[in-house]
């Protein structure tokens, strides 16, 4: 079962500039080898349910290592069928815009 998870994770107790903490999570995501899309307000990851949630769990644990309070928002699109939807969903919208 393929899933696309869109999530945002950040500490509440580290001031205004949070990019070092976001970079820590992005490193974990990249090392996972799963397809992902990093944006200004969140990251999408695609894969099997258990492997994607494991990556999110690792990101949370890395953040909790030196942060007293973190916020995690997560939404998931769970669907039977092949992967590759992360890119295809965006391409489908762009196709409609060209029509």
PDB file of N, CA and C in Angstrom:
ATOM      1  N   UNK A   1       0.841  -1.173   0.000  1.00  0.00           N
ATOM      2  CA  UNK A   1       0.000   0.000   0.000  1.00  0.00           C
ATOM      3  C   UNK A   1       0.889   1.240   0.000  1.00  0.00           C
ATOM      4  N   UNK A   2       0.705   2.073  -0.973  1.00  0.00           N
ATOM      5  CA  UNK A   2       1.495   3.290  -1.134  1.00  0.00           C
ATOM      6  C   UNK A   2       0.897   4.423  -0.300  1.00  0.00           C
ATOM      7  N   UNK A   3       1.745   5.250   0.250  1.00  0.00           N
ATOM      8  CA  UNK A   3       1.294   6.402   1.013  1.00  0.00           C
ATOM      9  C   UNK A   3       2.157   7.608   0.658  1.00  0.00           C
ATOM     10  N   UNK A   4       1.509   8.751   0.596  1.00  0.00           N
ATOM     11  CA  UNK A   4       2.221  10.024   0.547  1.00  0.00           C
ATOM     12  C   UNK A   4       1.885  10.732   1.844  1.00  0.00           C
ATOM     13  N   UNK A   5       2.909  11.045   2.606  1.00  0.00           N
ATOM     14  CA  UNK A   5       2.743  11.766   3.864  1.00  0.00           C
ATOM     15  C   UNK A   5       3.303  13.158   3.676  1.00  0.00           C
ATOM     16  N   UNK A   6       2.517  14.138   4.044  1.00  0.00           N
ATOM     17  CA  UNK A   6       2.967  15.523   4.045  1.00  0.00           C
ATOM     18  C   UNK A   6       3.075  15.935   5.509  1.00  0.00           C
ATOM     19  N   UNK A   7       4.263  16.383   5.918  1.00  0.00           N
ATOM     20  CA  UNK A   7       4.405  16.734   7.330  1.00  0.00           C
ATOM     21  C   UNK A   7       5.294  17.941   7.538  1.00  0.00           C
ATOM     22  N   UNK A   8       5.100  18.533   8.689  1.00  0.00           N
ATOM     23  CA  UNK A   8       5.903  19.651   9.142  1.00  0.00           C
ATOM     24  C   UNK A   8       6.288  19.367  10.589  1.00  0.00           C
ATOM     25  N   UNK A   9       7.526  19.621  10.920  1.00  0.00           N
ATOM     26  CA  UNK A   9       8.049  19.340  12.255  1.00  0.00           C
ATOM     27  C   UNK A   9       8.989  20.470  12.647  1.00  0.00           C
ATOM     28  N   UNK A  10       8.749  21.065  13.810  1.00  0.00           N
ATOM     29  CA  UNK A  10       9.624  22.147  14.246  1.00  0.00           C
ATOM     30  C   UNK A  10       9.571  22.290  15.766  1.00  0.00           C
ATOM     31  N   UNK A  11      10.647  22.834  16.354  1.00  0.00           N
ATOM     32  CA  UNK A  11      10.653  23.057  17.806  1.00  0.00           C
ATOM     33  C   UNK A  11       9.987  24.383  18.153  1.00  0.00           C
ATOM     34  N   UNK A  12       9.417  24.436  19.342  1.00  0.00           N
ATOM     35  CA  UNK A  12       8.823  25.691  19.826  1.00  0.00           C
ATOM     36  C   UNK A  12       9.761  26.462  20.750  1.00  0.00           C
ATOM     37  N   UNK A  13      10.830  25.836  21.167  1.00  0.00           N
ATOM     38  CA  UNK A  13      11.679  26.448  22.191  1.00  0.00           C
ATOM     39  C   UNK A  13      13.067  26.849  21.693  1.00  0.00           C
ATOM     40  N   UNK A  14      13.203  27.110  20.388  1.00  0.00           N
ATOM     41  CA  UNK A  14      14.535  27.402  19.850  1.00  0.00           C
ATOM     42  C   UNK A  14      14.631  28.739  19.121  1.00  0.00           C
ATOM     43  N   UNK A  15      13.712  29.629  19.382  1.00  0.00           N
ATOM     44  CA  UNK A  15      13.794  30.968  18.808  1.00  0.00           C
ATOM     45  C   UNK A  15      13.188  31.065  17.427  1.00  0.00           C
ATOM     46  N   UNK A  16      13.614  32.092  16.717  1.00  0.00           N
ATOM     47  CA  UNK A  16      13.007  32.441  15.433  1.00  0.00           C
ATOM     48  C   UNK A  16      13.580  31.667  14.252  1.00  0.00           C
ATOM     49  N   UNK A  17      14.876  31.444  14.225  1.00  0.00           N
ATOM     50  CA  UNK A  17      15.506  30.750  13.102  1.00  0.00           C
ATOM     51  C   UNK A  17      15.562  29.248  13.381  1.00  0.00           C
ATOM     52  N   UNK A  18      14.803  28.483  12.609  1.00  0.00           N
ATOM     53  CA  UNK A  18      14.685  27.047  12.858  1.00  0.00           C
ATOM     54  C   UNK A  18      15.355  26.192  11.788  1.00  0.00           C
ATOM     55  N   UNK A  19      16.015  26.820  10.831  1.00  0.00           N
ATOM     56  CA  UNK A  19      16.589  26.058   9.717  1.00  0.00           C
ATOM     57  C   UNK A  19      17.584  24.979  10.141  1.00  0.00           C
ATOM     58  N   UNK A  20      18.378  25.142  11.195  1.00  0.00           N
ATOM     59  CA  UNK A  20      19.263  24.034  11.590  1.00  0.00           C
ATOM     60  C   UNK A  20      18.485  22.777  11.993  1.00  0.00           C
ATOM     61  N   UNK A  21      17.330  22.965  12.585  1.00  0.00           N
ATOM     62  CA  UNK A  21      16.512  21.831  13.023  1.00  0.00           C
ATOM     63  C   UNK A  21      15.788  21.191  11.845  1.00  0.00           C
ATOM     64  N   UNK A  22      15.342  22.010  10.925  1.00  0.00           N
ATOM     65  CA  UNK A  22      14.710  21.493   9.704  1.00  0.00           C
ATOM     66  C   UNK A  22      15.740  20.722   8.887  1.00  0.00           C
ATOM     67  N   UNK A  23      16.956  21.249   8.792  1.00  0.00           N
ATOM     68  CA  UNK A  23      18.015  20.576   8.036  1.00  0.00           C
ATOM     69  C   UNK A  23      18.321  19.199   8.628  1.00  0.00           C
ATOM     70  N   UNK A  24      18.247  19.083   9.929  1.00  0.00           N
ATOM     71  CA  UNK A  24      18.477  17.802  10.592  1.00  0.00           C
ATOM     72  C   UNK A  24      17.454  16.769  10.102  1.00  0.00           C
ATOM     73  N   UNK A  25      16.197  17.171  10.033  1.00  0.00           N
ATOM     74  CA  UNK A  25      15.162  16.260   9.540  1.00  0.00           C
ATOM     75  C   UNK A  25      15.356  15.945   8.059  1.00  0.00           C
ATOM     76  N   UNK A  26      15.679  16.949   7.284  1.00  0.00           N
ATOM     77  CA  UNK A  26      15.851  16.723   5.846  1.00  0.00           C
ATOM     78  C   UNK A  26      16.997  15.753   5.575  1.00  0.00           C
ATOM     79  N   UNK A  27      18.034  15.802   6.374  1.00  0.00           N
ATOM     80  CA  UNK A  27      19.149  14.856   6.226  1.00  0.00           C
ATOM     81  C   UNK A  27      18.654  13.420   6.439  1.00  0.00           C
ATOM     82  N   UNK A  28      17.827  13.220   7.451  1.00  0.00           N
ATOM     83  CA  UNK A  28      17.262  11.892   7.731  1.00  0.00           C
ATOM     84  C   UNK A  28      16.398  11.435   6.556  1.00  0.00           C
ATOM     85  N   UNK A  29      15.591  12.336   6.030  1.00  0.00           N
ATOM     86  CA  UNK A  29      14.712  12.006   4.903  1.00  0.00           C
ATOM     87  C   UNK A  29      15.539  11.635   3.674  1.00  0.00           C
ATOM     88  N   UNK A  30      16.542  12.421   3.360  1.00  0.00           N
ATOM     89  CA  UNK A  30      17.400  12.121   2.203  1.00  0.00           C
ATOM     90  C   UNK A  30      18.094  10.774   2.355  1.00  0.00           C
ATOM     91  N   UNK A  31      18.602  10.502   3.547  1.00  0.00           N
ATOM     92  CA  UNK A  31      19.299   9.241   3.786  1.00  0.00           C
ATOM     93  C   UNK A  31      18.373   8.035   3.665  1.00  0.00           C
ATOM     94  N   UNK A  32      17.075   8.246   3.823  1.00  0.00           N
ATOM     95  CA  UNK A  32      16.116   7.137   3.706  1.00  0.00           C
ATOM     96  C   UNK A  32      16.024   6.624   2.273  1.00  0.00           C
ATOM     97  N   UNK A  33      16.345   7.474   1.306  1.00  0.00           N
ATOM     98  CA  UNK A  33      16.249   7.087  -0.092  1.00  0.00           C
ATOM     99  C   UNK A  33      14.836   7.130  -0.651  1.00  0.00           C
ATOM    100  N   UNK A  34      13.861   7.506   0.162  1.00  0.00           N
ATOM    101  CA  UNK A  34      12.480   7.572  -0.311  1.00  0.00           C
ATOM    102  C   UNK A  34      12.264   8.841  -1.141  1.00  0.00           C
ATOM    103  N   UNK A  35      11.378   8.768  -2.127  1.00  0.00           N
ATOM    104  CA  UNK A  35      11.047   9.980  -2.880  1.00  0.00           C
ATOM    105  C   UNK A  35      10.463  11.027  -1.929  1.00  0.00           C
ATOM    106  N   UNK A  36      10.899  12.258  -2.086  1.00  0.00           N
ATOM    107  CA  UNK A  36      10.418  13.320  -1.215  1.00  0.00           C
ATOM    108  C   UNK A  36      10.445  14.658  -1.945  1.00  0.00           C
ATOM    109  N   UNK A  37       9.710  15.584  -1.400  1.00  0.00           N
ATOM    110  CA  UNK A  37       9.645  16.940  -1.941  1.00  0.00           C
ATOM    111  C   UNK A  37       9.677  17.897  -0.760  1.00  0.00           C
ATOM    112  N   UNK A  38      10.771  18.642  -0.639  1.00  0.00           N
ATOM    113  CA  UNK A  38      10.945  19.605   0.442  1.00  0.00           C
ATOM    114  C   UNK A  38      10.468  20.971  -0.039  1.00  0.00           C
ATOM    115  N   UNK A  39       9.639  21.628   0.802  1.00  0.00           N
ATOM    116  CA  UNK A  39       9.128  22.957   0.468  1.00  0.00           C
ATOM    117  C   UNK A  39       9.270  23.871   1.691  1.00  0.00           C
ATOM    118  N   UNK A  40       8.899  25.110   1.514  1.00  0.00           N
ATOM    119  CA  UNK A  40       9.068  26.105   2.579  1.00  0.00           C
ATOM    120  C   UNK A  40       8.268  25.783   3.837  1.00  0.00           C
ATOM    121  N   UNK A  41       7.113  25.132   3.693  1.00  0.00           N
ATOM    122  CA  UNK A  41       6.241  24.913   4.843  1.00  0.00           C
ATOM    123  C   UNK A  41       6.019  23.445   5.186  1.00  0.00           C
ATOM    124  N   UNK A  42       6.788  22.552   4.568  1.00  0.00           N
ATOM    125  CA  UNK A  42       6.619  21.144   4.872  1.00  0.00           C
ATOM    126  C   UNK A  42       7.328  20.267   3.865  1.00  0.00           C
ATOM    127  N   UNK A  43       7.246  18.971   4.085  1.00  0.00           N
ATOM    128  CA  UNK A  43       7.898  17.984   3.230  1.00  0.00           C
ATOM    129  C   UNK A  43       6.931  16.840   2.972  1.00  0.00           C
ATOM    130  N   UNK A  44       6.924  16.358   1.730  1.00  0.00           N
ATOM    131  CA  UNK A  44       6.153  15.165   1.375  1.00  0.00           C
ATOM    132  C   UNK A  44       7.117  14.013   1.170  1.00  0.00           C
ATOM    133  N   UNK A  45       6.725  12.835   1.635  1.00  0.00           N
ATOM    134  CA  UNK A  45       7.515  11.615   1.457  1.00  0.00           C
ATOM    135  C   UNK A  45       6.578  10.539   0.929  1.00  0.00           C
ATOM    136  N   UNK A  46       7.084   9.726  -0.016  1.00  0.00           N
ATOM    137  CA  UNK A  46       6.281   8.643  -0.571  1.00  0.00           C
ATOM    138  C   UNK A  46       6.954   7.306  -0.337  1.00  0.00           C
ATOM    139  N   UNK A  47       6.143   6.304  -0.028  1.00  0.00           N
ATOM    140  CA  UNK A  47       6.656   4.953   0.137  1.00  0.00           C
ATOM    141  C   UNK A  47       5.588   4.074   0.765  1.00  0.00           C
ATOM    142  N   UNK A  48       6.028   2.984   1.331  1.00  0.00           N
ATOM    143  CA  UNK A  48       5.113   2.104   2.050  1.00  0.00           C
ATOM    144  C   UNK A  48       4.865   2.691   3.437  1.00  0.00           C
ATOM    145  N   UNK A  49       3.689   2.444   3.975  1.00  0.00           N
ATOM    146  CA  UNK A  49       3.250   3.027   5.241  1.00  0.00           C
ATOM    147  C   UNK A  49       4.301   2.909   6.341  1.00  0.00           C
ATOM    148  N   UNK A  50       4.757   1.698   6.608  1.00  0.00           N
ATOM    149  CA  UNK A  50       5.690   1.485   7.720  1.00  0.00           C
ATOM    150  C   UNK A  50       7.014   2.213   7.505  1.00  0.00           C
ATOM    151  N   UNK A  51       7.537   2.194   6.279  1.00  0.00           N
ATOM    152  CA  UNK A  51       8.830   2.836   6.051  1.00  0.00           C
ATOM    153  C   UNK A  51       8.717   4.361   6.124  1.00  0.00           C
ATOM    154  N   UNK A  52       7.618   4.916   5.655  1.00  0.00           N
ATOM    155  CA  UNK A  52       7.444   6.366   5.726  1.00  0.00           C
ATOM    156  C   UNK A  52       7.275   6.809   7.180  1.00  0.00           C
ATOM    157  N   UNK A  53       6.447   6.093   7.926  1.00  0.00           N
ATOM    158  CA  UNK A  53       6.266   6.469   9.327  1.00  0.00           C
ATOM    159  C   UNK A  53       7.541   6.279  10.145  1.00  0.00           C
ATOM    160  N   UNK A  54       8.365   5.337   9.777  1.00  0.00           N
ATOM    161  CA  UNK A  54       9.652   5.167  10.451  1.00  0.00           C
ATOM    162  C   UNK A  54      10.543   6.387  10.219  1.00  0.00           C
ATOM    163  N   UNK A  55      10.539   6.919   9.015  1.00  0.00           N
ATOM    164  CA  UNK A  55      11.331   8.125   8.729  1.00  0.00           C
ATOM    165  C   UNK A  55      10.806   9.303   9.552  1.00  0.00           C
ATOM    166  N   UNK A  56       9.492   9.465   9.593  1.00  0.00           N
ATOM    167  CA  UNK A  56       8.908  10.544  10.395  1.00  0.00           C
ATOM    168  C   UNK A  56       9.279  10.349  11.870  1.00  0.00           C
ATOM    169  N   UNK A  57       9.193   9.123  12.369  1.00  0.00           N
ATOM    170  CA  UNK A  57       9.555   8.841  13.760  1.00  0.00           C
ATOM    171  C   UNK A  57      11.006   9.219  14.041  1.00  0.00           C
ATOM    172  N   UNK A  58      11.896   8.873  13.122  1.00  0.00           N
ATOM    173  CA  UNK A  58      13.310   9.216  13.297  1.00  0.00           C
ATOM    174  C   UNK A  58      13.516  10.724  13.320  1.00  0.00           C
ATOM    175  N   UNK A  59      12.782  11.449  12.496  1.00  0.00           N
ATOM    176  CA  UNK A  59      12.868  12.915  12.493  1.00  0.00           C
ATOM    177  C   UNK A  59      12.412  13.482  13.834  1.00  0.00           C
ATOM    178  N   UNK A  60      11.317  12.956  14.359  1.00  0.00           N
ATOM    179  CA  UNK A  60      10.809  13.419  15.650  1.00  0.00           C
ATOM    180  C   UNK A  60      11.824  13.129  16.754  1.00  0.00           C
ATOM    181  N   UNK A  61      12.374  11.931  16.777  1.00  0.00           N
ATOM    182  CA  UNK A  61      13.349  11.575  17.803  1.00  0.00           C
ATOM    183  C   UNK A  61      14.601  12.453  17.723  1.00  0.00           C
ATOM    184  N   UNK A  62      15.053  12.754  16.515  1.00  0.00           N
ATOM    185  CA  UNK A  62      16.225  13.627  16.353  1.00  0.00           C
ATOM    186  C   UNK A  62      15.917  15.034  16.875  1.00  0.00           C
ATOM    187  N   UNK A  63      14.719  15.509  16.627  1.00  0.00           N
ATOM    188  CA  UNK A  63      14.318  16.838  17.098  1.00  0.00           C
ATOM    189  C   UNK A  63      14.213  16.842  18.623  1.00  0.00           C
ATOM    190  N   UNK A  64      13.657  15.784  19.186  1.00  0.00           N
ATOM    191  CA  UNK A  64      13.470  15.713  20.636  1.00  0.00           C
ATOM    192  C   UNK A  64      14.782  15.573  21.393  1.00  0.00           C
ATOM    193  N   UNK A  65      15.856  15.254  20.703  1.00  0.00           N
ATOM    194  CA  UNK A  65      17.147  15.065  21.367  1.00  0.00           C
ATOM    195  C   UNK A  65      17.585  16.312  22.129  1.00  0.00           C
ATOM    196  N   UNK A  66      17.281  17.499  21.587  1.00  0.00           N
ATOM    197  CA  UNK A  66      17.682  18.726  22.274  1.00  0.00           C
ATOM    198  C   UNK A  66      16.610  19.810  22.236  1.00  0.00           C
ATOM    199  N   UNK A  67      15.381  19.413  22.010  1.00  0.00           N
ATOM    200  CA  UNK A  67      14.259  20.349  22.020  1.00  0.00           C
ATOM    201  C   UNK A  67      13.237  19.861  23.047  1.00  0.00           C
ATOM    202  N   UNK A  68      12.768  20.759  23.872  1.00  0.00           N
ATOM    203  CA  UNK A  68      11.820  20.383  24.920  1.00  0.00           C
ATOM    204  C   UNK A  68      10.387  20.263  24.428  1.00  0.00           C
ATOM    205  N   UNK A  69      10.081  20.978  23.343  1.00  0.00           N
ATOM    206  CA  UNK A  69       8.714  20.954  22.815  1.00  0.00           C
ATOM    207  C   UNK A  69       8.762  21.054  21.298  1.00  0.00           C
ATOM    208  N   UNK A  70       8.112  20.110  20.621  1.00  0.00           N
ATOM    209  CA  UNK A  70       8.077  20.114  19.159  1.00  0.00           C
ATOM    210  C   UNK A  70       6.630  20.008  18.679  1.00  0.00           C
ATOM    211  N   UNK A  71       6.395  20.523  17.482  1.00  0.00           N
ATOM    212  CA  UNK A  71       5.088  20.433  16.842  1.00  0.00           C
ATOM    213  C   UNK A  71       5.230  19.587  15.590  1.00  0.00           C
ATOM    214  N   UNK A  72       4.345  18.618  15.449  1.00  0.00           N
ATOM    215  CA  UNK A  72       4.296  17.768  14.263  1.00  0.00           C
ATOM    216  C   UNK A  72       2.893  17.856  13.686  1.00  0.00           C
ATOM    217  N   UNK A  73       2.799  18.254  12.425  1.00  0.00           N
ATOM    218  CA  UNK A  73       1.540  18.153  11.691  1.00  0.00           C
ATOM    219  C   UNK A  73       1.764  17.135  10.594  1.00  0.00           C
ATOM    220  N   UNK A  74       0.762  16.286  10.365  1.00  0.00           N
ATOM    221  CA  UNK A  74       0.925  15.203   9.398  1.00  0.00           C
ATOM    222  C   UNK A  74      -0.416  14.912   8.731  1.00  0.00           C
ATOM    223  N   UNK A  75      -0.371  14.769   7.418  1.00  0.00           N
ATOM    224  CA  UNK A  75      -1.543  14.271   6.698  1.00  0.00           C
ATOM    225  C   UNK A  75      -1.055  13.213   5.726  1.00  0.00           C
ATOM    226  N   UNK A  76      -1.921  12.240   5.446  1.00  0.00           N
ATOM    227  CA  UNK A  76      -1.502  11.095   4.643  1.00  0.00           C
ATOM    228  C   UNK A  76      -2.546  10.772   3.586  1.00  0.00           C
ATOM    229  N   UNK A  77      -2.061  10.446   2.395  1.00  0.00           N
ATOM    230  CA  UNK A  77      -2.885   9.946   1.296  1.00  0.00           C
ATOM    231  C   UNK A  77      -2.490   8.487   1.108  1.00  0.00           C
ATOM    232  N   UNK A  78      -3.363   7.579   1.544  1.00  0.00           N
ATOM    233  CA  UNK A  78      -3.077   6.142   1.528  1.00  0.00           C
ATOM    234  C   UNK A  78      -3.869   5.524   0.386  1.00  0.00           C
ATOM    235  N   UNK A  79      -3.167   4.787  -0.477  1.00  0.00           N
ATOM    236  CA  UNK A  79      -3.835   4.270  -1.665  1.00  0.00           C
ATOM    237  C   UNK A  79      -3.189   2.976  -2.121  1.00  0.00           C
ATOM    238  N   UNK A  80      -4.027   2.050  -2.550  1.00  0.00           N
ATOM    239  CA  UNK A  80      -3.500   0.833  -3.177  1.00  0.00           C
ATOM    240  C   UNK A  80      -2.994   1.188  -4.563  1.00  0.00           C
ATOM    241  N   UNK A  81      -1.995   0.450  -4.980  1.00  0.00           N
ATOM    242  CA  UNK A  81      -1.469   0.667  -6.317  1.00  0.00           C
ATOM    243  C   UNK A  81      -0.006   1.035  -6.284  1.00  0.00           C
ATOM    244  N   UNK A  82       0.535   1.310  -7.450  1.00  0.00           N
ATOM    245  CA  UNK A  82       1.975   1.567  -7.560  1.00  0.00           C
ATOM    246  C   UNK A  82       2.357   2.926  -6.987  1.00  0.00           C
ATOM    247  N   UNK A  83       3.632   3.047  -6.698  1.00  0.00           N
ATOM    248  CA  UNK A  83       4.178   4.313  -6.231  1.00  0.00           C
ATOM    249  C   UNK A  83       4.344   5.287  -7.381  1.00  0.00           C
ATOM    250  N   UNK A  84       5.099   6.316  -7.146  1.00  0.00           N
ATOM    251  CA  UNK A  84       5.340   7.325  -8.171  1.00  0.00           C
ATOM    252  C   UNK A  84       4.278   8.409  -8.212  1.00  0.00           C
ATOM    253  N   UNK A  85       3.381   8.396  -7.250  1.00  0.00           N
ATOM    254  CA  UNK A  85       2.297   9.371  -7.274  1.00  0.00           C
ATOM    255  C   UNK A  85       2.748  10.771  -6.866  1.00  0.00           C
ATOM    256  N   UNK A  86       3.816  10.863  -6.108  1.00  0.00           N
ATOM    257  CA  UNK A  86       4.290  12.166  -5.652  1.00  0.00           C
ATOM    258  C   UNK A  86       4.513  13.089  -6.841  1.00  0.00           C
ATOM    259  N   UNK A  87       5.139  12.590  -7.870  1.00  0.00           N
ATOM    260  CA  UNK A  87       5.399  13.387  -9.069  1.00  0.00           C
ATOM    261  C   UNK A  87       4.186  13.412  -9.997  1.00  0.00           C
ATOM    262  N   UNK A  88       3.513  12.286 -10.154  1.00  0.00           N
ATOM    263  CA  UNK A  88       2.385  12.222 -11.089  1.00  0.00           C
ATOM    264  C   UNK A  88       1.241  13.146 -10.695  1.00  0.00           C
ATOM    265  N   UNK A  89       0.998  13.304  -9.414  1.00  0.00           N
ATOM    266  CA  UNK A  89      -0.085  14.185  -8.973  1.00  0.00           C
ATOM    267  C   UNK A  89       0.179  15.621  -9.416  1.00  0.00           C
ATOM    268  N   UNK A  90       1.396  16.075  -9.284  1.00  0.00           N
ATOM    269  CA  UNK A  90       1.763  17.435  -9.681  1.00  0.00           C
ATOM    270  C   UNK A  90       1.704  17.566 -11.201  1.00  0.00           C
ATOM    271  N   UNK A  91       2.241  16.584 -11.907  1.00  0.00           N
ATOM    272  CA  UNK A  91       2.216  16.619 -13.367  1.00  0.00           C
ATOM    273  C   UNK A  91       0.788  16.666 -13.901  1.00  0.00           C
ATOM    274  N   UNK A  92      -0.122  15.950 -13.281  1.00  0.00           N
ATOM    275  CA  UNK A  92      -1.511  15.935 -13.712  1.00  0.00           C
ATOM    276  C   UNK A  92      -2.126  17.329 -13.641  1.00  0.00           C
ATOM    277  N   UNK A  93      -1.846  18.063 -12.584  1.00  0.00           N
ATOM    278  CA  UNK A  93      -2.371  19.426 -12.455  1.00  0.00           C
ATOM    279  C   UNK A  93      -1.759  20.334 -13.514  1.00  0.00           C
ATOM    280  N   UNK A  94      -0.459  20.208 -13.744  1.00  0.00           N
ATOM    281  CA  UNK A  94       0.194  21.032 -14.766  1.00  0.00           C
ATOM    282  C   UNK A  94      -0.372  20.746 -16.162  1.00  0.00           C
ATOM    283  N   UNK A  95      -0.687  19.494 -16.435  1.00  0.00           N
ATOM    284  CA  UNK A  95      -1.316  19.144 -17.721  1.00  0.00           C
ATOM    285  C   UNK A  95      -2.645  19.868 -17.889  1.00  0.00           C
ATOM    286  N   UNK A  96      -3.439  19.897 -16.832  1.00  0.00           N
ATOM    287  CA  UNK A  96      -4.735  20.575 -16.893  1.00  0.00           C
ATOM    288  C   UNK A  96      -4.565  22.081 -17.099  1.00  0.00           C
ATOM    289  N   UNK A  97      -3.532  22.651 -16.536  1.00  0.00           N
ATOM    290  CA  UNK A  97      -3.278  24.082 -16.708  1.00  0.00           C
ATOM    291  C   UNK A  97      -2.914  24.412 -18.160  1.00  0.00           C
ATOM    292  N   UNK A  98      -2.265  23.489 -18.852  1.00  0.00           N
ATOM    293  CA  UNK A  98      -1.882  23.717 -20.247  1.00  0.00           C
ATOM    294  C   UNK A  98      -3.077  23.583 -21.194  1.00  0.00           C
ATOM    295  N   UNK A  99      -4.131  22.929 -20.740  1.00  0.00           N
ATOM    296  CA  UNK A  99      -5.309  22.701 -21.599  1.00  0.00           C
ATOM    297  C   UNK A  99      -6.140  23.945 -21.767  1.00  0.00           C
TER     298      UNK A  99
END
